[in-house]
Amino acid sequence: MPHGHLRVVFELAECREESVDIFFSATTDRDIEYAKRICRRCEVRADCLAYALETPQLYGIWGGFTADERVVLRRGMREALT
């Protein structure tokens, strides 16, 4: 994803005015669900998730997926390609 595109994505992101703690310090199921709810209503969710999968981001909730969920997604993507 080109750097300029990434800036546009984050300018449009539903989370842009939220505390980063919501996405990087969520530990309870309730906290995680709150962050995911924000992601679900975001128009650039797919771009955010793609960025997290491509870079790869090891922490936080990106595109509505936790770090553990992204590991499973990446594994499934690798298996689908083999």
Protein backbone atom coordinates (compact mmCIF):
# COMPACT_ATOMS: atom_id res chain seq x y z
CA MET A 1 0.00 0.00 0.00
CA PRO A 2 1.63 3.29 -1.04
CA HIS A 3 2.47 5.66 1.81
CA GLY A 4 0.11 8.41 0.57
CA HIS A 5 -2.78 5.97 0.35
CA LEU A 6 -2.16 4.91 3.93
CA ARG A 7 -2.44 8.50 5.13
CA VAL A 8 -5.80 8.85 3.33
CA VAL A 9 -6.99 5.59 4.88
CA PHE A 10 -6.23 6.79 8.38
CA GLU A 11 -7.78 10.19 7.73
CA LEU A 12 -11.04 8.42 6.83
CA ALA A 13 -10.85 5.79 9.56
CA GLU A 14 -13.64 5.63 12.10
CA CYS A 15 -11.01 5.28 14.86
CA ARG A 16 -9.14 8.48 13.99
CA GLU A 17 -10.53 10.39 16.97
CA GLU A 18 -10.50 7.48 19.41
CA SER A 19 -7.79 6.77 21.95
CA VAL A 20 -5.25 4.26 20.65
CA ASP A 21 -5.63 2.48 23.99
CA ILE A 22 -8.99 1.19 22.78
CA PHE A 23 -7.21 -0.79 20.06
CA PHE A 24 -3.88 -1.58 21.71
CA SER A 25 -4.77 -2.08 25.38
CA ALA A 26 -8.02 -4.02 25.02
CA THR A 27 -7.74 -7.07 27.26
CA THR A 28 -11.27 -8.03 28.24
CA ASP A 29 -13.87 -9.45 25.87
CA ARG A 30 -15.92 -6.31 26.43
CA ASP A 31 -13.01 -4.01 25.48
CA ILE A 32 -12.20 -6.08 22.40
CA GLU A 33 -15.83 -6.10 21.27
CA TYR A 34 -16.03 -2.31 21.71
CA ALA A 35 -12.99 -1.82 19.46
CA LYS A 36 -14.34 -4.27 16.89
CA ARG A 37 -17.68 -2.44 16.87
CA ILE A 38 -15.85 0.75 15.87
CA CYS A 39 -14.09 -1.17 13.09
CA ARG A 40 -17.31 -2.70 11.78
CA ARG A 41 -18.77 0.73 11.00
CA CYS A 42 -15.57 1.97 9.33
CA GLU A 43 -15.50 2.60 5.60
CA VAL A 44 -11.77 1.80 5.30
CA ARG A 45 -11.82 -1.38 7.38
CA ALA A 46 -10.59 -3.57 4.51
CA ASP A 47 -7.65 -1.24 3.83
CA CYS A 48 -6.74 -1.22 7.51
CA LEU A 49 -6.84 -5.00 7.71
CA ALA A 50 -4.79 -5.32 4.51
CA TYR A 51 -2.15 -3.00 5.97
CA ALA A 52 -2.01 -5.04 9.18
CA LEU A 53 -1.65 -8.29 7.25
CA GLU A 54 0.96 -6.95 4.83
CA THR A 55 3.29 -5.26 7.33
CA PRO A 56 2.53 -7.48 9.61
CA GLN A 57 1.26 -5.72 12.71
CA LEU A 58 1.83 -7.94 15.74
CA TYR A 59 -0.26 -5.98 18.24
CA GLY A 60 -3.62 -4.29 18.45
CA ILE A 61 -6.94 -4.55 16.71
CA TRP A 62 -6.73 -3.66 13.01
CA GLY A 63 -9.65 -3.90 10.62
CA GLY A 64 -11.72 -5.57 13.30
CA PHE A 65 -9.29 -8.42 13.96
CA THR A 66 -7.07 -9.06 16.97
CA ALA A 67 -3.44 -10.05 16.54
CA ASP A 68 -4.31 -13.71 17.16
CA GLU A 69 -7.13 -13.59 14.62
CA ARG A 70 -4.77 -12.08 12.05
CA VAL A 71 -2.31 -14.93 12.60
CA VAL A 72 -5.09 -17.37 11.73
CA LEU A 73 -6.02 -15.30 8.66
CA ARG A 74 -2.41 -15.22 7.43
CA ARG A 75 -2.06 -18.95 7.97
CA GLY A 76 -5.25 -19.58 6.01
CA MET A 77 -4.06 -17.31 3.22
CA ARG A 78 -0.73 -19.18 3.00
CA GLU A 79 -2.50 -22.54 2.96
CA ALA A 80 -4.87 -21.36 0.24
CA LEU A 81 -1.90 -20.46 -1.94
CA THR A 82 -0.17 -23.84 -1.59
